């Protein structure tokens, strides 16, 4: 009986830990088509990339906070509180990283200065 209880606790802990927010550098970019930026000039691409880089920095700071909050929540209560309350920005970070990658590819294709 005791081993079944311990197994149950381990299963709950595994689920709680797997639901934790990832660190921003662990989040992969979603591939985007560079052609979506084909109509932009090099200057426009640079401005768009700058804005997206600023957005990514802000999202990354929020994600780091969510990851820390989840670690604390799991430690204290067994629940990833930040992720449960909408603090996880993984999807937005993936999309933003993908857009930056696509812009970099388009800038390379156009031989823009980076």
PDB file of N, CA and C in Angstrom:
ATOM      1  N   UNK A   1       0.821  -1.190   0.000  1.00  0.00           N
ATOM      2  CA  UNK A   1       0.000   0.000   0.000  1.00  0.00           C
ATOM      3  C   UNK A   1       0.868   1.258   0.000  1.00  0.00           C
ATOM      4  N   UNK A   2       1.920   1.227   0.833  1.00  0.00           N
ATOM      5  CA  UNK A   2       2.793   2.389   0.927  1.00  0.00           C
ATOM      6  C   UNK A   2       3.515   2.644  -0.394  1.00  0.00           C
ATOM      7  N   UNK A   3       3.907   1.580  -1.106  1.00  0.00           N
ATOM      8  CA  UNK A   3       4.602   1.765  -2.381  1.00  0.00           C
ATOM      9  C   UNK A   3       3.675   2.361  -3.441  1.00  0.00           C
ATOM     10  N   UNK A   4       2.385   2.033  -3.398  1.00  0.00           N
ATOM     11  CA  UNK A   4       1.420   2.615  -4.334  1.00  0.00           C
ATOM     12  C   UNK A   4       1.263   4.101  -4.034  1.00  0.00           C
ATOM     13  N   UNK A   5       1.222   4.459  -2.761  1.00  0.00           N
ATOM     14  CA  UNK A   5       1.121   5.872  -2.362  1.00  0.00           C
ATOM     15  C   UNK A   5       2.341   6.643  -2.840  1.00  0.00           C
ATOM     16  N   UNK A   6       3.537   6.080  -2.637  1.00  0.00           N
ATOM     17  CA  UNK A   6       4.769   6.736  -3.077  1.00  0.00           C
ATOM     18  C   UNK A   6       4.798   6.887  -4.594  1.00  0.00           C
ATOM     19  N   UNK A   7       4.328   5.882  -5.309  1.00  0.00           N
ATOM     20  CA  UNK A   7       4.268   5.942  -6.764  1.00  0.00           C
ATOM     21  C   UNK A   7       3.320   7.056  -7.212  1.00  0.00           C
ATOM     22  N   UNK A   8       2.210   7.198  -6.502  1.00  0.00           N
ATOM     23  CA  UNK A   8       1.260   8.265  -6.803  1.00  0.00           C
ATOM     24  C   UNK A   8       1.868   9.642  -6.595  1.00  0.00           C
ATOM     25  N   UNK A   9       2.610   9.801  -5.527  1.00  0.00           N
ATOM     26  CA  UNK A   9       3.270  11.074  -5.251  1.00  0.00           C
ATOM     27  C   UNK A   9       4.294  11.383  -6.336  1.00  0.00           C
ATOM     28  N   UNK A  10       5.047  10.390  -6.760  1.00  0.00           N
ATOM     29  CA  UNK A  10       6.030  10.592  -7.820  1.00  0.00           C
ATOM     30  C   UNK A  10       5.356  10.980  -9.134  1.00  0.00           C
ATOM     31  N   UNK A  11       4.239  10.358  -9.433  1.00  0.00           N
ATOM     32  CA  UNK A  11       3.512  10.680 -10.669  1.00  0.00           C
ATOM     33  C   UNK A  11       2.999  12.107 -10.643  1.00  0.00           C
ATOM     34  N   UNK A  12       2.434  12.534  -9.535  1.00  0.00           N
ATOM     35  CA  UNK A  12       1.943  13.911  -9.405  1.00  0.00           C
ATOM     36  C   UNK A  12       3.106  14.894  -9.514  1.00  0.00           C
ATOM     37  N   UNK A  13       4.214  14.592  -8.883  1.00  0.00           N
ATOM     38  CA  UNK A  13       5.385  15.472  -8.948  1.00  0.00           C
ATOM     39  C   UNK A  13       5.917  15.570 -10.378  1.00  0.00           C
ATOM     40  N   UNK A  14       5.942  14.463 -11.094  1.00  0.00           N
ATOM     41  CA  UNK A  14       6.419  14.473 -12.480  1.00  0.00           C
ATOM     42  C   UNK A  14       5.525  15.330 -13.363  1.00  0.00           C
ATOM     43  N   UNK A  15       4.233  15.220 -13.179  1.00  0.00           N
ATOM     44  CA  UNK A  15       3.298  16.033 -13.958  1.00  0.00           C
ATOM     45  C   UNK A  15       3.470  17.511 -13.625  1.00  0.00           C
ATOM     46  N   UNK A  16       3.599  17.832 -12.367  1.00  0.00           N
ATOM     47  CA  UNK A  16       3.753  19.229 -11.945  1.00  0.00           C
ATOM     48  C   UNK A  16       5.042  19.825 -12.486  1.00  0.00           C
ATOM     49  N   UNK A  17       6.126  19.090 -12.416  1.00  0.00           N
ATOM     50  CA  UNK A  17       7.407  19.583 -12.901  1.00  0.00           C
ATOM     51  C   UNK A  17       7.393  19.740 -14.414  1.00  0.00           C
ATOM     52  N   UNK A  18       6.771  18.820 -15.128  1.00  0.00           N
ATOM     53  CA  UNK A  18       6.733  18.918 -16.587  1.00  0.00           C
ATOM     54  C   UNK A  18       5.875  20.079 -17.058  1.00  0.00           C
ATOM     55  N   UNK A  19       4.988  20.567 -16.233  1.00  0.00           N
ATOM     56  CA  UNK A  19       4.132  21.691 -16.596  1.00  0.00           C
ATOM     57  C   UNK A  19       4.804  23.036 -16.332  1.00  0.00           C
ATOM     58  N   UNK A  20       6.000  23.019 -15.787  1.00  0.00           N
ATOM     59  CA  UNK A  20       6.695  24.262 -15.463  1.00  0.00           C
ATOM     60  C   UNK A  20       7.092  25.014 -16.725  1.00  0.00           C
ATOM     61  N   UNK A  21       7.135  26.330 -16.606  1.00  0.00           N
ATOM     62  CA  UNK A  21       7.569  27.182 -17.712  1.00  0.00           C
ATOM     63  C   UNK A  21       9.050  26.941 -17.983  1.00  0.00           C
ATOM     64  N   UNK A  22       9.419  26.888 -19.267  1.00  0.00           N
ATOM     65  CA  UNK A  22      10.811  26.711 -19.676  1.00  0.00           C
ATOM     66  C   UNK A  22      11.550  28.039 -19.585  1.00  0.00           C
ATOM     67  N   UNK A  23      12.862  27.954 -19.471  1.00  0.00           N
ATOM     68  CA  UNK A  23      13.693  29.144 -19.574  1.00  0.00           C
ATOM     69  C   UNK A  23      13.676  29.604 -21.033  1.00  0.00           C
ATOM     70  N   UNK A  24      13.757  30.915 -21.289  1.00  0.00           N
ATOM     71  CA  UNK A  24      13.651  31.423 -22.663  1.00  0.00           C
ATOM     72  C   UNK A  24      14.656  30.816 -23.647  1.00  0.00           C
ATOM     73  N   UNK A  25      15.882  30.553 -23.186  1.00  0.00           N
ATOM     74  CA  UNK A  25      16.884  29.995 -24.093  1.00  0.00           C
ATOM     75  C   UNK A  25      16.625  28.534 -24.439  1.00  0.00           C
ATOM     76  N   UNK A  26      15.711  27.891 -23.747  1.00  0.00           N
ATOM     77  CA  UNK A  26      15.335  26.501 -24.039  1.00  0.00           C
ATOM     78  C   UNK A  26      14.184  26.412 -25.042  1.00  0.00           C
ATOM     79  N   UNK A  27      13.629  27.551 -25.436  1.00  0.00           N
ATOM     80  CA  UNK A  27      12.471  27.583 -26.319  1.00  0.00           C
ATOM     81  C   UNK A  27      12.939  27.739 -27.762  1.00  0.00           C
ATOM     82  N   UNK A  28      12.517  26.813 -28.614  1.00  0.00           N
ATOM     83  CA  UNK A  28      12.910  26.824 -30.024  1.00  0.00           C
ATOM     84  C   UNK A  28      12.019  27.767 -30.826  1.00  0.00           C
ATOM     85  N   UNK A  29      12.593  28.270 -31.903  1.00  0.00           N
ATOM     86  CA  UNK A  29      11.840  29.131 -32.817  1.00  0.00           C
ATOM     87  C   UNK A  29      10.894  28.279 -33.663  1.00  0.00           C
ATOM     88  N   UNK A  30       9.748  28.844 -33.982  1.00  0.00           N
ATOM     89  CA  UNK A  30       8.837  28.212 -34.936  1.00  0.00           C
ATOM     90  C   UNK A  30       9.280  28.663 -36.319  1.00  0.00           C
ATOM     91  N   UNK A  31       9.555  27.731 -37.228  1.00  0.00           N
ATOM     92  CA  UNK A  31       9.996  28.135 -38.575  1.00  0.00           C
ATOM     93  C   UNK A  31       8.953  29.004 -39.277  1.00  0.00           C
ATOM     94  N   UNK A  32       9.427  30.087 -39.851  1.00  0.00           N
ATOM     95  CA  UNK A  32       8.580  31.018 -40.600  1.00  0.00           C
ATOM     96  C   UNK A  32       9.176  31.176 -41.999  1.00  0.00           C
ATOM     97  N   UNK A  33       8.334  31.512 -42.948  1.00  0.00           N
ATOM     98  CA  UNK A  33       8.784  31.737 -44.314  1.00  0.00           C
ATOM     99  C   UNK A  33       9.403  33.132 -44.443  1.00  0.00           C
ATOM    100  N   UNK A  34      10.657  33.221 -44.885  1.00  0.00           N
ATOM    101  CA  UNK A  34      11.265  34.541 -45.097  1.00  0.00           C
ATOM    102  C   UNK A  34      10.512  35.360 -46.148  1.00  0.00           C
ATOM    103  N   UNK A  35       9.803  34.686 -47.040  1.00  0.00           N
ATOM    104  CA  UNK A  35       9.092  35.393 -48.115  1.00  0.00           C
ATOM    105  C   UNK A  35       8.018  36.339 -47.571  1.00  0.00           C
ATOM    106  N   UNK A  36       7.587  36.143 -46.325  1.00  0.00           N
ATOM    107  CA  UNK A  36       6.593  37.055 -45.758  1.00  0.00           C
ATOM    108  C   UNK A  36       7.172  38.460 -45.556  1.00  0.00           C
ATOM    109  N   UNK A  37       8.512  38.581 -45.635  1.00  0.00           N
ATOM    110  CA  UNK A  37       9.174  39.871 -45.496  1.00  0.00           C
ATOM    111  C   UNK A  37       9.799  40.331 -46.812  1.00  0.00           C
ATOM    112  N   UNK A  38       9.499  39.646 -47.917  1.00  0.00           N
ATOM    113  CA  UNK A  38      10.136  39.942 -49.204  1.00  0.00           C
ATOM    114  C   UNK A  38       9.860  41.348 -49.701  1.00  0.00           C
ATOM    115  N   UNK A  39       8.721  41.907 -49.394  1.00  0.00           N
ATOM    116  CA  UNK A  39       8.358  43.233 -49.879  1.00  0.00           C
ATOM    117  C   UNK A  39       8.975  44.379 -49.100  1.00  0.00           C
ATOM    118  N   UNK A  40       9.718  44.090 -48.052  1.00  0.00           N
ATOM    119  CA  UNK A  40      10.286  45.152 -47.218  1.00  0.00           C
ATOM    120  C   UNK A  40      11.707  45.491 -47.657  1.00  0.00           C
ATOM    121  N   UNK A  41      12.054  46.748 -47.509  1.00  0.00           N
ATOM    122  CA  UNK A  41      13.412  47.204 -47.798  1.00  0.00           C
ATOM    123  C   UNK A  41      14.339  46.777 -46.665  1.00  0.00           C
ATOM    124  N   UNK A  42      15.631  46.943 -46.898  1.00  0.00           N
ATOM    125  CA  UNK A  42      16.600  46.604 -45.851  1.00  0.00           C
ATOM    126  C   UNK A  42      16.378  47.458 -44.597  1.00  0.00           C
ATOM    127  N   UNK A  43      16.087  48.738 -44.782  1.00  0.00           N
ATOM    128  CA  UNK A  43      15.832  49.613 -43.639  1.00  0.00           C
ATOM    129  C   UNK A  43      14.599  49.189 -42.866  1.00  0.00           C
ATOM    130  N   UNK A  44      13.561  48.835 -43.588  1.00  0.00           N
ATOM    131  CA  UNK A  44      12.325  48.385 -42.942  1.00  0.00           C
ATOM    132  C   UNK A  44      12.545  47.064 -42.210  1.00  0.00           C
ATOM    133  N   UNK A  45      13.314  46.173 -42.824  1.00  0.00           N
ATOM    134  CA  UNK A  45      13.626  44.894 -42.174  1.00  0.00           C
ATOM    135  C   UNK A  45      14.398  45.125 -40.878  1.00  0.00           C
ATOM    136  N   UNK A  46      15.342  46.056 -40.914  1.00  0.00           N
ATOM    137  CA  UNK A  46      16.130  46.373 -39.711  1.00  0.00           C
ATOM    138  C   UNK A  46      15.239  46.917 -38.605  1.00  0.00           C
ATOM    139  N   UNK A  47      14.308  47.793 -38.954  1.00  0.00           N
ATOM    140  CA  UNK A  47      13.395  48.353 -37.953  1.00  0.00           C
ATOM    141  C   UNK A  47      12.479  47.275 -37.374  1.00  0.00           C
ATOM    142  N   UNK A  48      11.973  46.415 -38.242  1.00  0.00           N
ATOM    143  CA  UNK A  48      11.097  45.334 -37.782  1.00  0.00           C
ATOM    144  C   UNK A  48      11.866  44.387 -36.866  1.00  0.00           C
ATOM    145  N   UNK A  49      13.097  44.078 -37.258  1.00  0.00           N
ATOM    146  CA  UNK A  49      13.931  43.195 -36.439  1.00  0.00           C
ATOM    147  C   UNK A  49      14.224  43.822 -35.075  1.00  0.00           C
ATOM    148  N   UNK A  50      14.489  45.120 -35.051  1.00  0.00           N
ATOM    149  CA  UNK A  50      14.751  45.810 -33.793  1.00  0.00           C
ATOM    150  C   UNK A  50      13.544  45.731 -32.868  1.00  0.00           C
ATOM    151  N   UNK A  51      12.357  46.004 -33.414  1.00  0.00           N
ATOM    152  CA  UNK A  51      11.132  45.937 -32.604  1.00  0.00           C
ATOM    153  C   UNK A  51      10.908  44.523 -32.081  1.00  0.00           C
ATOM    154  N   UNK A  52      11.081  43.531 -32.953  1.00  0.00           N
ATOM    155  CA  UNK A  52      10.891  42.141 -32.518  1.00  0.00           C
ATOM    156  C   UNK A  52      11.923  41.747 -31.465  1.00  0.00           C
ATOM    157  N   UNK A  53      13.147  42.233 -31.609  1.00  0.00           N
ATOM    158  CA  UNK A  53      14.184  41.937 -30.606  1.00  0.00           C
ATOM    159  C   UNK A  53      13.825  42.537 -29.254  1.00  0.00           C
ATOM    160  N   UNK A  54      13.259  43.739 -29.269  1.00  0.00           N
ATOM    161  CA  UNK A  54      12.805  44.367 -28.023  1.00  0.00           C
ATOM    162  C   UNK A  54      11.637  43.584 -27.424  1.00  0.00           C
ATOM    163  N   UNK A  55      10.710  43.155 -28.281  1.00  0.00           N
ATOM    164  CA  UNK A  55       9.588  42.329 -27.817  1.00  0.00           C
ATOM    165  C   UNK A  55      10.100  41.032 -27.205  1.00  0.00           C
ATOM    166  N   UNK A  56      11.092  40.420 -27.866  1.00  0.00           N
ATOM    167  CA  UNK A  56      11.650  39.158 -27.368  1.00  0.00           C
ATOM    168  C   UNK A  56      12.317  39.356 -26.009  1.00  0.00           C
ATOM    169  N   UNK A  57      13.011  40.464 -25.834  1.00  0.00           N
ATOM    170  CA  UNK A  57      13.648  40.742 -24.536  1.00  0.00           C
ATOM    171  C   UNK A  57      12.594  40.866 -23.441  1.00  0.00           C
ATOM    172  N   UNK A  58      11.504  41.549 -23.737  1.00  0.00           N
ATOM    173  CA  UNK A  58      10.429  41.707 -22.758  1.00  0.00           C
ATOM    174  C   UNK A  58       9.758  40.360 -22.452  1.00  0.00           C
ATOM    175  N   UNK A  59       9.466  39.603 -23.500  1.00  0.00           N
ATOM    176  CA  UNK A  59       8.851  38.285 -23.306  1.00  0.00           C
ATOM    177  C   UNK A  59       9.781  37.356 -22.521  1.00  0.00           C
ATOM    178  N   UNK A  60      11.077  37.442 -22.809  1.00  0.00           N
ATOM    179  CA  UNK A  60      12.050  36.597 -22.111  1.00  0.00           C
ATOM    180  C   UNK A  60      12.108  36.923 -20.624  1.00  0.00           C
ATOM    181  N   UNK A  61      12.032  38.207 -20.310  1.00  0.00           N
ATOM    182  CA  UNK A  61      12.017  38.603 -18.892  1.00  0.00           C
ATOM    183  C   UNK A  61      10.773  38.054 -18.201  1.00  0.00           C
ATOM    184  N   UNK A  62       9.627  38.138 -18.876  1.00  0.00           N
ATOM    185  CA  UNK A  62       8.388  37.592 -18.310  1.00  0.00           C
ATOM    186  C   UNK A  62       8.484  36.076 -18.160  1.00  0.00           C
ATOM    187  N   UNK A  63       9.115  35.420 -19.139  1.00  0.00           N
ATOM    188  CA  UNK A  63       9.247  33.962 -19.091  1.00  0.00           C
ATOM    189  C   UNK A  63      10.166  33.534 -17.954  1.00  0.00           C
ATOM    190  N   UNK A  64      11.255  34.265 -17.765  1.00  0.00           N
ATOM    191  CA  UNK A  64      12.160  33.949 -16.652  1.00  0.00           C
ATOM    192  C   UNK A  64      11.429  34.070 -15.318  1.00  0.00           C
ATOM    193  N   UNK A  65      10.609  35.092 -15.204  1.00  0.00           N
ATOM    194  CA  UNK A  65       9.823  35.280 -13.991  1.00  0.00           C
ATOM    195  C   UNK A  65       8.835  34.124 -13.801  1.00  0.00           C
ATOM    196  N   UNK A  66       8.203  33.702 -14.886  1.00  0.00           N
ATOM    197  CA  UNK A  66       7.253  32.585 -14.813  1.00  0.00           C
ATOM    198  C   UNK A  66       7.968  31.297 -14.426  1.00  0.00           C
ATOM    199  N   UNK A  67       9.146  31.070 -14.994  1.00  0.00           N
ATOM    200  CA  UNK A  67       9.900  29.857 -14.664  1.00  0.00           C
ATOM    201  C   UNK A  67      10.296  29.852 -13.190  1.00  0.00           C
ATOM    202  N   UNK A  68      10.727  31.003 -12.688  1.00  0.00           N
ATOM    203  CA  UNK A  68      11.081  31.095 -11.267  1.00  0.00           C
ATOM    204  C   UNK A  68       9.851  30.893 -10.389  1.00  0.00           C
ATOM    205  N   UNK A  69       8.737  31.513 -10.784  1.00  0.00           N
ATOM    206  CA  UNK A  69       7.492  31.352 -10.028  1.00  0.00           C
ATOM    207  C   UNK A  69       7.007  29.917 -10.019  1.00  0.00           C
ATOM    208  N   UNK A  70       7.156  29.234 -11.153  1.00  0.00           N
ATOM    209  CA  UNK A  70       6.756  27.834 -11.221  1.00  0.00           C
ATOM    210  C   UNK A  70       7.633  26.969 -10.316  1.00  0.00           C
ATOM    211  N   UNK A  71       8.942  27.227 -10.350  1.00  0.00           N
ATOM    212  CA  UNK A  71       9.855  26.447  -9.506  1.00  0.00           C
ATOM    213  C   UNK A  71       9.484  26.627  -8.034  1.00  0.00           C
ATOM    214  N   UNK A  72       9.202  27.860  -7.646  1.00  0.00           N
ATOM    215  CA  UNK A  72       8.812  28.137  -6.266  1.00  0.00           C
ATOM    216  C   UNK A  72       7.469  27.473  -5.943  1.00  0.00           C
ATOM    217  N   UNK A  73       6.506  27.614  -6.854  1.00  0.00           N
ATOM    218  CA  UNK A  73       5.178  27.030  -6.635  1.00  0.00           C
ATOM    219  C   UNK A  73       5.219  25.515  -6.513  1.00  0.00           C
ATOM    220  N   UNK A  74       6.027  24.880  -7.361  1.00  0.00           N
ATOM    221  CA  UNK A  74       6.144  23.422  -7.301  1.00  0.00           C
ATOM    222  C   UNK A  74       6.817  23.014  -5.996  1.00  0.00           C
ATOM    223  N   UNK A  75       7.831  23.766  -5.588  1.00  0.00           N
ATOM    224  CA  UNK A  75       8.529  23.450  -4.349  1.00  0.00           C
ATOM    225  C   UNK A  75       7.602  23.600  -3.140  1.00  0.00           C
ATOM    226  N   UNK A  76       6.836  24.689  -3.107  1.00  0.00           N
ATOM    227  CA  UNK A  76       6.009  24.970  -1.934  1.00  0.00           C
ATOM    228  C   UNK A  76       4.654  24.246  -1.948  1.00  0.00           C
ATOM    229  N   UNK A  77       4.017  24.206  -3.108  1.00  0.00           N
ATOM    230  CA  UNK A  77       2.651  23.678  -3.174  1.00  0.00           C
ATOM    231  C   UNK A  77       2.476  22.473  -4.097  1.00  0.00           C
ATOM    232  N   UNK A  78       3.497  22.189  -4.879  1.00  0.00           N
ATOM    233  CA  UNK A  78       3.370  21.105  -5.842  1.00  0.00           C
ATOM    234  C   UNK A  78       2.637  21.522  -7.108  1.00  0.00           C
ATOM    235  N   UNK A  79       2.485  22.834  -7.319  1.00  0.00           N
ATOM    236  CA  UNK A  79       1.761  23.333  -8.492  1.00  0.00           C
ATOM    237  C   UNK A  79       2.562  24.420  -9.201  1.00  0.00           C
ATOM    238  N   UNK A  80       2.605  24.390 -10.550  1.00  0.00           N
ATOM    239  CA  UNK A  80       3.286  25.451 -11.303  1.00  0.00           C
ATOM    240  C   UNK A  80       2.375  26.676 -11.420  1.00  0.00           C
ATOM    241  N   UNK A  81       2.344  27.482 -10.396  1.00  0.00           N
ATOM    242  CA  UNK A  81       1.380  28.584 -10.295  1.00  0.00           C
ATOM    243  C   UNK A  81       1.474  29.595 -11.433  1.00  0.00           C
ATOM    244  N   UNK A  82       2.684  29.978 -11.840  1.00  0.00           N
ATOM    245  CA  UNK A  82       2.821  30.979 -12.899  1.00  0.00           C
ATOM    246  C   UNK A  82       2.246  30.467 -14.215  1.00  0.00           C
ATOM    247  N   UNK A  83       2.540  29.234 -14.570  1.00  0.00           N
ATOM    248  CA  UNK A  83       2.000  28.663 -15.808  1.00  0.00           C
ATOM    249  C   UNK A  83       0.488  28.543 -15.734  1.00  0.00           C
ATOM    250  N   UNK A  84      -0.010  28.194 -14.573  1.00  0.00           N
ATOM    251  CA  UNK A  84      -1.458  28.029 -14.406  1.00  0.00           C
ATOM    252  C   UNK A  84      -2.186  29.369 -14.496  1.00  0.00           C
ATOM    253  N   UNK A  85      -1.498  30.467 -14.188  1.00  0.00           N
ATOM    254  CA  UNK A  85      -2.146  31.775 -14.209  1.00  0.00           C
ATOM    255  C   UNK A  85      -1.870  32.544 -15.500  1.00  0.00           C
ATOM    256  N   UNK A  86      -1.329  31.873 -16.527  1.00  0.00           N
ATOM    257  CA  UNK A  86      -1.113  32.516 -17.821  1.00  0.00           C
ATOM    258  C   UNK A  86       0.214  33.223 -17.964  1.00  0.00           C
ATOM    259  N   UNK A  87       1.136  32.982 -17.065  1.00  0.00           N
ATOM    260  CA  UNK A  87       2.432  33.650 -17.117  1.00  0.00           C
ATOM    261  C   UNK A  87       3.405  33.043 -18.108  1.00  0.00           C
ATOM    262  N   UNK A  88       3.133  31.850 -18.603  1.00  0.00           N
ATOM    263  CA  UNK A  88       4.024  31.167 -19.532  1.00  0.00           C
ATOM    264  C   UNK A  88       3.912  31.817 -20.909  1.00  0.00           C
ATOM    265  N   UNK A  89       5.017  32.321 -21.443  1.00  0.00           N
ATOM    266  CA  UNK A  89       5.051  33.029 -22.725  1.00  0.00           C
ATOM    267  C   UNK A  89       5.741  32.206 -23.813  1.00  0.00           C
ATOM    268  N   UNK A  90       5.774  30.882 -23.645  1.00  0.00           N
ATOM    269  CA  UNK A  90       6.505  30.019 -24.567  1.00  0.00           C
ATOM    270  C   UNK A  90       6.049  30.188 -26.017  1.00  0.00           C
ATOM    271  N   UNK A  91       4.763  30.201 -26.268  1.00  0.00           N
ATOM    272  CA  UNK A  91       4.258  30.319 -27.642  1.00  0.00           C
ATOM    273  C   UNK A  91       4.665  31.649 -28.270  1.00  0.00           C
ATOM    274  N   UNK A  92       4.520  32.733 -27.538  1.00  0.00           N
ATOM    275  CA  UNK A  92       4.876  34.055 -28.065  1.00  0.00           C
ATOM    276  C   UNK A  92       6.377  34.147 -28.345  1.00  0.00           C
ATOM    277  N   UNK A  93       7.183  33.538 -27.480  1.00  0.00           N
ATOM    278  CA  UNK A  93       8.631  33.545 -27.687  1.00  0.00           C
ATOM    279  C   UNK A  93       8.985  32.738 -28.925  1.00  0.00           C
ATOM    280  N   UNK A  94       8.360  31.579 -29.108  1.00  0.00           N
ATOM    281  CA  UNK A  94       8.621  30.738 -30.285  1.00  0.00           C
ATOM    282  C   UNK A  94       8.314  31.482 -31.579  1.00  0.00           C
ATOM    283  N   UNK A  95       7.184  32.153 -31.619  1.00  0.00           N
ATOM    284  CA  UNK A  95       6.776  32.894 -32.812  1.00  0.00           C
ATOM    285  C   UNK A  95       7.726  34.065 -33.063  1.00  0.00           C
ATOM    286  N   UNK A  96       8.064  34.806 -32.028  1.00  0.00           N
ATOM    287  CA  UNK A  96       8.948  35.960 -32.186  1.00  0.00           C
ATOM    288  C   UNK A  96      10.333  35.530 -32.653  1.00  0.00           C
ATOM    289  N   UNK A  97      10.858  34.457 -32.079  1.00  0.00           N
ATOM    290  CA  UNK A  97      12.153  33.938 -32.539  1.00  0.00           C
ATOM    291  C   UNK A  97      12.077  33.513 -34.004  1.00  0.00           C
ATOM    292  N   UNK A  98      10.978  32.892 -34.395  1.00  0.00           N
ATOM    293  CA  UNK A  98      10.803  32.475 -35.785  1.00  0.00           C
ATOM    294  C   UNK A  98      10.766  33.662 -36.734  1.00  0.00           C
ATOM    295  N   UNK A  99      10.089  34.728 -36.339  1.00  0.00           N
ATOM    296  CA  UNK A  99      10.033  35.935 -37.173  1.00  0.00           C
ATOM    297  C   UNK A  99      11.415  36.558 -37.317  1.00  0.00           C
ATOM    298  N   UNK A 100      12.169  36.610 -36.242  1.00  0.00           N
ATOM    299  CA  UNK A 100      13.529  37.168 -36.303  1.00  0.00           C
ATOM    300  C   UNK A 100      14.397  36.325 -37.230  1.00  0.00           C
ATOM    301  N   UNK A 101      14.291  35.005 -37.127  1.00  0.00           N
ATOM    302  CA  UNK A 101      15.052  34.121 -38.019  1.00  0.00           C
ATOM    303  C   UNK A 101      14.680  34.362 -39.477  1.00  0.00           C
ATOM    304  N   UNK A 102      13.381  34.518 -39.748  1.00  0.00           N
ATOM    305  CA  UNK A 102      12.917  34.761 -41.118  1.00  0.00           C
ATOM    306  C   UNK A 102      13.449  36.092 -41.636  1.00  0.00           C
ATOM    307  N   UNK A 103      13.446  37.115 -40.795  1.00  0.00           N
ATOM    308  CA  UNK A 103      13.987  38.417 -41.199  1.00  0.00           C
ATOM    309  C   UNK A 103      15.477  38.301 -41.483  1.00  0.00           C
ATOM    310  N   UNK A 104      16.200  37.580 -40.639  1.00  0.00           N
ATOM    311  CA  UNK A 104      17.637  37.393 -40.876  1.00  0.00           C
ATOM    312  C   UNK A 104      17.888  36.702 -42.212  1.00  0.00           C
ATOM    313  N   UNK A 105      17.073  35.720 -42.535  1.00  0.00           N
ATOM    314  CA  UNK A 105      17.225  35.022 -43.814  1.00  0.00           C
ATOM    315  C   UNK A 105      16.932  35.956 -44.984  1.00  0.00           C
ATOM    316  N   UNK A 106      15.888  36.759 -44.858  1.00  0.00           N
ATOM    317  CA  UNK A 106      15.529  37.701 -45.931  1.00  0.00           C
ATOM    318  C   UNK A 106      16.602  38.784 -46.065  1.00  0.00           C
ATOM    319  N   UNK A 107      17.132  39.246 -44.955  1.00  0.00           N
ATOM    320  CA  UNK A 107      18.198  40.243 -45.008  1.00  0.00           C
ATOM    321  C   UNK A 107      19.452  39.666 -45.670  1.00  0.00           C
ATOM    322  N   UNK A 108      19.749  38.408 -45.402  1.00  0.00           N
ATOM    323  CA  UNK A 108      20.899  37.759 -46.037  1.00  0.00           C
ATOM    324  C   UNK A 108      20.652  37.602 -47.540  1.00  0.00           C
ATOM    325  N   UNK A 109      19.422  37.242 -47.900  1.00  0.00           N
ATOM    326  CA  UNK A 109      19.081  37.072 -49.315  1.00  0.00           C
ATOM    327  C   UNK A 109      19.222  38.391 -50.065  1.00  0.00           C
ATOM    328  N   UNK A 110      18.824  39.483 -49.412  1.00  0.00           N
ATOM    329  CA  UNK A 110      18.904  40.812 -50.039  1.00  0.00           C
ATOM    330  C   UNK A 110      20.273  41.454 -49.861  1.00  0.00           C
ATOM    331  N   UNK A 111      21.147  40.774 -49.139  1.00  0.00           N
ATOM    332  CA  UNK A 111      22.499  41.272 -48.843  1.00  0.00           C
ATOM    333  C   UNK A 111      22.466  42.613 -48.091  1.00  0.00           C
ATOM    334  N   UNK A 112      21.529  42.681 -47.145  1.00  0.00           N
ATOM    335  CA  UNK A 112      21.439  43.867 -46.281  1.00  0.00           C
ATOM    336  C   UNK A 112      22.575  43.832 -45.262  1.00  0.00           C
ATOM    337  N   UNK A 113      22.971  44.994 -44.795  1.00  0.00           N
ATOM    338  CA  UNK A 113      23.940  45.032 -43.706  1.00  0.00           C
ATOM    339  C   UNK A 113      23.234  44.669 -42.423  1.00  0.00           C
ATOM    340  N   UNK A 114      23.823  43.801 -41.652  1.00  0.00           N
ATOM    341  CA  UNK A 114      23.157  43.356 -40.414  1.00  0.00           C
ATOM    342  C   UNK A 114      23.807  43.993 -39.247  1.00  0.00           C
TER     343      UNK A 114
END
